[in-house]
Amino acid sequence: MSATLASMPAAIVAASTVFRFDQKSAWFWQKPKRIETLLRAIRYQSMAVPEASQQFSQLEVEMKRYWISLGTVNRRSD
């Protein structure tokens, strides 16, 4: 029992390293905020549909590049 309790901190650190919860959380927060920015530009700044489509496509490519996969250690996340 005490060995199980003693190993829990190491297991938590290992899980955090593998699953990268904080970076995935930041990714999931950033994408909708950037889409909302694009939507505001369409609604209030009269952004043209072709330009909005192009920016959305660029956003999709960029966000895919920063996706944190299971077990990746050195991938960047902004």
PDB file of N, CA and C in Angstrom:
ATOM      1  N   MET A   1       0.825  -1.194   0.000  1.00  0.00           N
ATOM      2  CA  MET A   1       0.000   0.000   0.000  1.00  0.00           C
ATOM      3  C   MET A   1       0.866   1.253   0.000  1.00  0.00           C
ATOM      4  N   SER A   2       1.858   1.312   0.878  1.00  0.00           N
ATOM      5  CA  SER A   2       2.702   2.506   0.939  1.00  0.00           C
ATOM      6  C   SER A   2       3.560   2.634  -0.327  1.00  0.00           C
ATOM      7  N   ALA A   3       3.929   1.518  -0.940  1.00  0.00           N
ATOM      8  CA  ALA A   3       4.686   1.569  -2.194  1.00  0.00           C
ATOM      9  C   ALA A   3       3.827   2.164  -3.305  1.00  0.00           C
ATOM     10  N   THR A   4       2.551   1.854  -3.298  1.00  0.00           N
ATOM     11  CA  THR A   4       1.635   2.411  -4.294  1.00  0.00           C
ATOM     12  C   THR A   4       1.517   3.912  -4.112  1.00  0.00           C
ATOM     13  N   LEU A   5       1.340   4.350  -2.883  1.00  0.00           N
ATOM     14  CA  LEU A   5       1.241   5.780  -2.606  1.00  0.00           C
ATOM     15  C   LEU A   5       2.541   6.502  -2.934  1.00  0.00           C
ATOM     16  N   ALA A   6       3.660   5.875  -2.655  1.00  0.00           N
ATOM     17  CA  ALA A   6       4.951   6.493  -2.922  1.00  0.00           C
ATOM     18  C   ALA A   6       5.217   6.620  -4.424  1.00  0.00           C
ATOM     19  N   SER A   7       4.651   5.747  -5.225  1.00  0.00           N
ATOM     20  CA  SER A   7       4.889   5.802  -6.667  1.00  0.00           C
ATOM     21  C   SER A   7       3.943   6.753  -7.395  1.00  0.00           C
ATOM     22  N   MET A   8       2.913   7.232  -6.729  1.00  0.00           N
ATOM     23  CA  MET A   8       1.935   8.097  -7.385  1.00  0.00           C
ATOM     24  C   MET A   8       2.528   9.394  -7.932  1.00  0.00           C
ATOM     25  N   PRO A   9       3.370  10.118  -7.202  1.00  0.00           N
ATOM     26  CA  PRO A   9       3.930  11.349  -7.791  1.00  0.00           C
ATOM     27  C   PRO A   9       4.711  11.086  -9.079  1.00  0.00           C
ATOM     28  N   ALA A  10       5.468  10.025  -9.112  1.00  0.00           N
ATOM     29  CA  ALA A  10       6.223   9.694 -10.328  1.00  0.00           C
ATOM     30  C   ALA A  10       5.268   9.356 -11.478  1.00  0.00           C
ATOM     31  N   ALA A  11       4.200   8.659 -11.178  1.00  0.00           N
ATOM     32  CA  ALA A  11       3.222   8.308 -12.220  1.00  0.00           C
ATOM     33  C   ALA A  11       2.527   9.563 -12.752  1.00  0.00           C
ATOM     34  N   ILE A  12       2.233  10.501 -11.877  1.00  0.00           N
ATOM     35  CA  ILE A  12       1.584  11.744 -12.294  1.00  0.00           C
ATOM     36  C   ILE A  12       2.516  12.559 -13.183  1.00  0.00           C
ATOM     37  N   VAL A  13       3.776  12.666 -12.802  1.00  0.00           N
ATOM     38  CA  VAL A  13       4.751  13.391 -13.622  1.00  0.00           C
ATOM     39  C   VAL A  13       4.908  12.713 -14.982  1.00  0.00           C
ATOM     40  N   ALA A  14       4.981  11.412 -14.996  1.00  0.00           N
ATOM     41  CA  ALA A  14       5.115  10.680 -16.257  1.00  0.00           C
ATOM     42  C   ALA A  14       3.892  10.904 -17.154  1.00  0.00           C
ATOM     43  N   ALA A  15       2.709  10.856 -16.567  1.00  0.00           N
ATOM     44  CA  ALA A  15       1.481  11.080 -17.347  1.00  0.00           C
ATOM     45  C   ALA A  15       1.449  12.492 -17.902  1.00  0.00           C
ATOM     46  N   SER A  16       1.860  13.471 -17.116  1.00  0.00           N
ATOM     47  CA  SER A  16       1.880  14.859 -17.584  1.00  0.00           C
ATOM     48  C   SER A  16       2.874  15.038 -18.720  1.00  0.00           C
ATOM     49  N   THR A  17       3.981  14.343 -18.657  1.00  0.00           N
ATOM     50  CA  THR A  17       4.990  14.431 -19.707  1.00  0.00           C
ATOM     51  C   THR A  17       4.490  13.793 -20.997  1.00  0.00           C
ATOM     52  N   VAL A  18       3.819  12.680 -20.885  1.00  0.00           N
ATOM     53  CA  VAL A  18       3.343  11.965 -22.074  1.00  0.00           C
ATOM     54  C   VAL A  18       2.112  12.639 -22.674  1.00  0.00           C
ATOM     55  N   PHE A  19       1.140  12.991 -21.848  1.00  0.00           N
ATOM     56  CA  PHE A  19      -0.128  13.508 -22.361  1.00  0.00           C
ATOM     57  C   PHE A  19      -0.119  15.015 -22.591  1.00  0.00           C
ATOM     58  N   ARG A  20       0.768  15.765 -21.935  1.00  0.00           N
ATOM     59  CA  ARG A  20       0.954  17.204 -22.142  1.00  0.00           C
ATOM     60  C   ARG A  20      -0.354  17.980 -22.037  1.00  0.00           C
ATOM     61  N   PHE A  21      -1.038  17.827 -20.932  1.00  0.00           N
ATOM     62  CA  PHE A  21      -2.351  18.420 -20.729  1.00  0.00           C
ATOM     63  C   PHE A  21      -2.350  19.938 -20.876  1.00  0.00           C
ATOM     64  N   ASP A  22      -1.351  20.608 -20.319  1.00  0.00           N
ATOM     65  CA  ASP A  22      -1.325  22.064 -20.369  1.00  0.00           C
ATOM     66  C   ASP A  22      -1.189  22.585 -21.793  1.00  0.00           C
ATOM     67  N   GLN A  23      -0.371  21.957 -22.608  1.00  0.00           N
ATOM     68  CA  GLN A  23      -0.197  22.408 -23.986  1.00  0.00           C
ATOM     69  C   GLN A  23      -1.418  22.096 -24.846  1.00  0.00           C
ATOM     70  N   LYS A  24      -2.042  20.952 -24.608  1.00  0.00           N
ATOM     71  CA  LYS A  24      -3.270  20.637 -25.356  1.00  0.00           C
ATOM     72  C   LYS A  24      -4.384  21.598 -24.968  1.00  0.00           C
ATOM     73  N   SER A  25      -4.451  21.929 -23.701  1.00  0.00           N
ATOM     74  CA  SER A  25      -5.446  22.885 -23.229  1.00  0.00           C
ATOM     75  C   SER A  25      -5.250  24.236 -23.909  1.00  0.00           C
ATOM     76  N   ALA A  26      -4.010  24.692 -23.999  1.00  0.00           N
ATOM     77  CA  ALA A  26      -3.719  25.968 -24.661  1.00  0.00           C
ATOM     78  C   ALA A  26      -4.106  25.901 -26.130  1.00  0.00           C
ATOM     79  N   TRP A  27      -3.850  24.769 -26.786  1.00  0.00           N
ATOM     80  CA  TRP A  27      -4.211  24.615 -28.195  1.00  0.00           C
ATOM     81  C   TRP A  27      -5.725  24.716 -28.362  1.00  0.00           C
ATOM     82  N   PHE A  28      -6.477  24.022 -27.519  1.00  0.00           N
ATOM     83  CA  PHE A  28      -7.936  24.036 -27.625  1.00  0.00           C
ATOM     84  C   PHE A  28      -8.515  25.409 -27.307  1.00  0.00           C
ATOM     85  N   TRP A  29      -7.817  26.217 -26.523  1.00  0.00           N
ATOM     86  CA  TRP A  29      -8.280  27.564 -26.213  1.00  0.00           C
ATOM     87  C   TRP A  29      -7.945  28.504 -27.365  1.00  0.00           C
ATOM     88  N   GLN A  30      -6.768  28.353 -27.949  1.00  0.00           N
ATOM     89  CA  GLN A  30      -6.294  29.276 -28.970  1.00  0.00           C
ATOM     90  C   GLN A  30      -7.089  29.183 -30.270  1.00  0.00           C
ATOM     91  N   LYS A  31      -7.413  28.002 -30.714  1.00  0.00           N
ATOM     92  CA  LYS A  31      -8.094  27.852 -32.003  1.00  0.00           C
ATOM     93  C   LYS A  31      -9.450  28.565 -32.044  1.00  0.00           C
ATOM     94  N   PRO A  32     -10.339  28.375 -31.085  1.00  0.00           N
ATOM     95  CA  PRO A  32     -11.616  29.105 -31.151  1.00  0.00           C
ATOM     96  C   PRO A  32     -11.442  30.618 -31.059  1.00  0.00           C
ATOM     97  N   LYS A  33     -10.459  31.071 -30.287  1.00  0.00           N
ATOM     98  CA  LYS A  33     -10.232  32.512 -30.181  1.00  0.00           C
ATOM     99  C   LYS A  33      -9.793  33.088 -31.518  1.00  0.00           C
ATOM    100  N   ARG A  34      -8.960  32.364 -32.232  1.00  0.00           N
ATOM    101  CA  ARG A  34      -8.518  32.837 -33.543  1.00  0.00           C
ATOM    102  C   ARG A  34      -9.650  32.789 -34.566  1.00  0.00           C
ATOM    103  N   ILE A  35     -10.526  31.811 -34.453  1.00  0.00           N
ATOM    104  CA  ILE A  35     -11.686  31.746 -35.345  1.00  0.00           C
ATOM    105  C   ILE A  35     -12.657  32.882 -35.032  1.00  0.00           C
ATOM    106  N   GLU A  36     -12.832  33.206 -33.746  1.00  0.00           N
ATOM    107  CA  GLU A  36     -13.682  34.334 -33.365  1.00  0.00           C
ATOM    108  C   GLU A  36     -13.134  35.645 -33.918  1.00  0.00           C
ATOM    109  N   THR A  37     -11.812  35.798 -33.915  1.00  0.00           N
ATOM    110  CA  THR A  37     -11.180  36.994 -34.478  1.00  0.00           C
ATOM    111  C   THR A  37     -11.499  37.102 -35.965  1.00  0.00           C
ATOM    112  N   LEU A  38     -11.415  35.998 -36.649  1.00  0.00           N
ATOM    113  CA  LEU A  38     -11.739  35.967 -38.073  1.00  0.00           C
ATOM    114  C   LEU A  38     -13.217  36.295 -38.300  1.00  0.00           C
ATOM    115  N   LEU A  39     -14.081  35.757 -37.485  1.00  0.00           N
ATOM    116  CA  LEU A  39     -15.517  36.028 -37.606  1.00  0.00           C
ATOM    117  C   LEU A  39     -15.827  37.513 -37.380  1.00  0.00           C
ATOM    118  N   ARG A  40     -15.170  38.124 -36.397  1.00  0.00           N
ATOM    119  CA  ARG A  40     -15.371  39.559 -36.163  1.00  0.00           C
ATOM    120  C   ARG A  40     -14.909  40.385 -37.361  1.00  0.00           C
ATOM    121  N   ALA A  41     -13.812  39.972 -37.989  1.00  0.00           N
ATOM    122  CA  ALA A  41     -13.334  40.688 -39.175  1.00  0.00           C
ATOM    123  C   ALA A  41     -14.355  40.588 -40.312  1.00  0.00           C
ATOM    124  N   ILE A  42     -14.997  39.447 -40.434  1.00  0.00           N
ATOM    125  CA  ILE A  42     -16.020  39.275 -41.466  1.00  0.00           C
ATOM    126  C   ILE A  42     -17.237  40.150 -41.154  1.00  0.00           C
ATOM    127  N   ARG A  43     -17.685  40.124 -39.907  1.00  0.00           N
ATOM    128  CA  ARG A  43     -18.900  40.859 -39.525  1.00  0.00           C
ATOM    129  C   ARG A  43     -18.708  42.367 -39.480  1.00  0.00           C
ATOM    130  N   TYR A  44     -17.637  42.824 -38.873  1.00  0.00           N
ATOM    131  CA  TYR A  44     -17.510  44.244 -38.550  1.00  0.00           C
ATOM    132  C   TYR A  44     -16.487  44.997 -39.394  1.00  0.00           C
ATOM    133  N   GLN A  45     -15.632  44.289 -40.104  1.00  0.00           N
ATOM    134  CA  GLN A  45     -14.633  44.968 -40.921  1.00  0.00           C
ATOM    135  C   GLN A  45     -14.836  44.669 -42.403  1.00  0.00           C
ATOM    136  N   SER A  46     -15.934  44.059 -42.726  1.00  0.00           N
ATOM    137  CA  SER A  46     -16.302  43.745 -44.111  1.00  0.00           C
ATOM    138  C   SER A  46     -15.221  42.966 -44.861  1.00  0.00           C
ATOM    139  N   MET A  47     -14.654  41.980 -44.186  1.00  0.00           N
ATOM    140  CA  MET A  47     -13.663  41.134 -44.855  1.00  0.00           C
ATOM    141  C   MET A  47     -14.362  40.332 -45.943  1.00  0.00           C
ATOM    142  N   ALA A  48     -13.746  40.260 -47.103  1.00  0.00           N
ATOM    143  CA  ALA A  48     -14.320  39.529 -48.230  1.00  0.00           C
ATOM    144  C   ALA A  48     -14.273  38.025 -47.952  1.00  0.00           C
ATOM    145  N   VAL A  49     -15.251  37.319 -48.487  1.00  0.00           N
ATOM    146  CA  VAL A  49     -15.352  35.878 -48.282  1.00  0.00           C
ATOM    147  C   VAL A  49     -14.115  35.129 -48.788  1.00  0.00           C
ATOM    148  N   PRO A  50     -13.605  35.436 -49.980  1.00  0.00           N
ATOM    149  CA  PRO A  50     -12.398  34.714 -50.429  1.00  0.00           C
ATOM    150  C   PRO A  50     -11.199  34.934 -49.491  1.00  0.00           C
ATOM    151  N   GLU A  51     -11.031  36.155 -48.999  1.00  0.00           N
ATOM    152  CA  GLU A  51      -9.931  36.430 -48.075  1.00  0.00           C
ATOM    153  C   GLU A  51     -10.138  35.684 -46.751  1.00  0.00           C
ATOM    154  N   ALA A  52     -11.375  35.658 -46.263  1.00  0.00           N
ATOM    155  CA  ALA A  52     -11.679  34.936 -45.032  1.00  0.00           C
ATOM    156  C   ALA A  52     -11.421  33.444 -45.199  1.00  0.00           C
ATOM    157  N   SER A  53     -11.803  32.916 -46.344  1.00  0.00           N
ATOM    158  CA  SER A  53     -11.573  31.498 -46.610  1.00  0.00           C
ATOM    159  C   SER A  53     -10.084  31.183 -46.636  1.00  0.00           C
ATOM    160  N   GLN A  54      -9.319  32.052 -47.255  1.00  0.00           N
ATOM    161  CA  GLN A  54      -7.870  31.849 -47.321  1.00  0.00           C
ATOM    162  C   GLN A  54      -7.252  31.906 -45.916  1.00  0.00           C
ATOM    163  N   GLN A  55      -7.659  32.868 -45.116  1.00  0.00           N
ATOM    164  CA  GLN A  55      -7.123  32.972 -43.758  1.00  0.00           C
ATOM    165  C   GLN A  55      -7.536  31.781 -42.901  1.00  0.00           C
ATOM    166  N   PHE A  56      -8.766  31.305 -43.095  1.00  0.00           N
ATOM    167  CA  PHE A  56      -9.209  30.140 -42.337  1.00  0.00           C
ATOM    168  C   PHE A  56      -8.394  28.906 -42.719  1.00  0.00           C
ATOM    169  N   SER A  57      -8.117  28.751 -44.002  1.00  0.00           N
ATOM    170  CA  SER A  57      -7.293  27.624 -44.453  1.00  0.00           C
ATOM    171  C   SER A  57      -5.894  27.702 -43.856  1.00  0.00           C
ATOM    172  N   GLN A  58      -5.315  28.887 -43.829  1.00  0.00           N
ATOM    173  CA  GLN A  58      -3.997  29.070 -43.218  1.00  0.00           C
ATOM    174  C   GLN A  58      -4.038  28.751 -41.728  1.00  0.00           C
ATOM    175  N   LEU A  59      -5.110  29.159 -41.072  1.00  0.00           N
ATOM    176  CA  LEU A  59      -5.280  28.872 -39.647  1.00  0.00           C
ATOM    177  C   LEU A  59      -5.328  27.373 -39.394  1.00  0.00           C
ATOM    178  N   GLU A  60      -6.075  26.655 -40.227  1.00  0.00           N
ATOM    179  CA  GLU A  60      -6.171  25.204 -40.084  1.00  0.00           C
ATOM    180  C   GLU A  60      -4.808  24.529 -40.236  1.00  0.00           C
ATOM    181  N   VAL A  61      -4.050  24.949 -41.227  1.00  0.00           N
ATOM    182  CA  VAL A  61      -2.726  24.367 -41.453  1.00  0.00           C
ATOM    183  C   VAL A  61      -1.811  24.667 -40.270  1.00  0.00           C
ATOM    184  N   GLU A  62      -1.827  25.918 -39.817  1.00  0.00           N
ATOM    185  CA  GLU A  62      -0.971  26.306 -38.701  1.00  0.00           C
ATOM    186  C   GLU A  62      -1.341  25.576 -37.413  1.00  0.00           C
ATOM    187  N   MET A  63      -2.631  25.475 -37.129  1.00  0.00           N
ATOM    188  CA  MET A  63      -3.054  24.803 -35.898  1.00  0.00           C
ATOM    189  C   MET A  63      -2.705  23.314 -35.952  1.00  0.00           C
ATOM    190  N   LYS A  64      -2.803  22.710 -37.117  1.00  0.00           N
ATOM    191  CA  LYS A  64      -2.424  21.299 -37.251  1.00  0.00           C
ATOM    192  C   LYS A  64      -0.936  21.117 -36.974  1.00  0.00           C
ATOM    193  N   ARG A  65      -0.144  22.072 -37.406  1.00  0.00           N
ATOM    194  CA  ARG A  65       1.303  22.007 -37.186  1.00  0.00           C
ATOM    195  C   ARG A  65       1.636  22.030 -35.691  1.00  0.00           C
ATOM    196  N   TYR A  66       0.828  22.736 -34.903  1.00  0.00           N
ATOM    197  CA  TYR A  66       1.111  22.872 -33.480  1.00  0.00           C
ATOM    198  C   TYR A  66       0.358  21.875 -32.604  1.00  0.00           C
ATOM    199  N   TRP A  67      -0.369  20.944 -33.212  1.00  0.00           N
ATOM    200  CA  TRP A  67      -1.081  19.930 -32.428  1.00  0.00           C
ATOM    201  C   TRP A  67      -0.078  19.078 -31.681  1.00  0.00           C
ATOM    202  N   ILE A  68      -0.311  18.847 -30.416  1.00  0.00           N
ATOM    203  CA  ILE A  68       0.563  18.056 -29.559  1.00  0.00           C
ATOM    204  C   ILE A  68       0.052  16.623 -29.570  1.00  0.00           C
ATOM    205  N   SER A  69       0.825  15.734 -30.158  1.00  0.00           N
ATOM    206  CA  SER A  69       0.444  14.329 -30.217  1.00  0.00           C
ATOM    207  C   SER A  69       0.889  13.594 -28.963  1.00  0.00           C
ATOM    208  N   LEU A  70       0.312  12.461 -28.749  1.00  0.00           N
ATOM    209  CA  LEU A  70       0.668  11.625 -27.607  1.00  0.00           C
ATOM    210  C   LEU A  70       2.141  11.253 -27.677  1.00  0.00           C
ATOM    211  N   GLY A  71       2.865  11.573 -26.629  1.00  0.00           N
ATOM    212  CA  GLY A  71       4.251  11.159 -26.523  1.00  0.00           C
ATOM    213  C   GLY A  71       5.268  12.054 -27.201  1.00  0.00           C
ATOM    214  N   THR A  72       4.825  13.102 -27.912  1.00  0.00           N
ATOM    215  CA  THR A  72       5.815  13.988 -28.519  1.00  0.00           C
ATOM    216  C   THR A  72       6.387  14.892 -27.449  1.00  0.00           C
ATOM    217  N   VAL A  73       7.679  15.061 -27.486  1.00  0.00           N
ATOM    218  CA  VAL A  73       8.333  15.808 -26.412  1.00  0.00           C
ATOM    219  C   VAL A  73       8.728  17.207 -26.845  1.00  0.00           C
ATOM    220  N   ASN A  74       9.282  17.393 -28.009  1.00  0.00           N
ATOM    221  CA  ASN A  74       9.835  18.675 -28.381  1.00  0.00           C
ATOM    222  C   ASN A  74       9.023  19.453 -29.390  1.00  0.00           C
ATOM    223  N   ARG A  75       7.745  19.165 -29.511  1.00  0.00           N
ATOM    224  CA  ARG A  75       6.919  19.935 -30.433  1.00  0.00           C
ATOM    225  C   ARG A  75       6.512  21.227 -29.797  1.00  0.00           C
ATOM    226  N   ARG A  76       6.515  22.263 -30.595  1.00  0.00           N
ATOM    227  CA  ARG A  76       6.225  23.584 -30.092  1.00  0.00           C
ATOM    228  C   ARG A  76       4.730  23.784 -29.914  1.00  0.00           C
ATOM    229  N   SER A  77       4.375  24.559 -28.895  1.00  0.00           N
ATOM    230  CA  SER A  77       2.986  24.919 -28.672  1.00  0.00           C
ATOM    231  C   SER A  77       2.928  26.362 -28.217  1.00  0.00           C
ATOM    232  N   ASP A  78       2.170  27.192 -28.926  1.00  0.00           N
ATOM    233  CA  ASP A  78       2.037  28.600 -28.547  1.00  0.00           C
ATOM    234  C   ASP A  78       0.674  28.876 -28.004  1.00  0.00           C
TER     235      ASP A  78
END
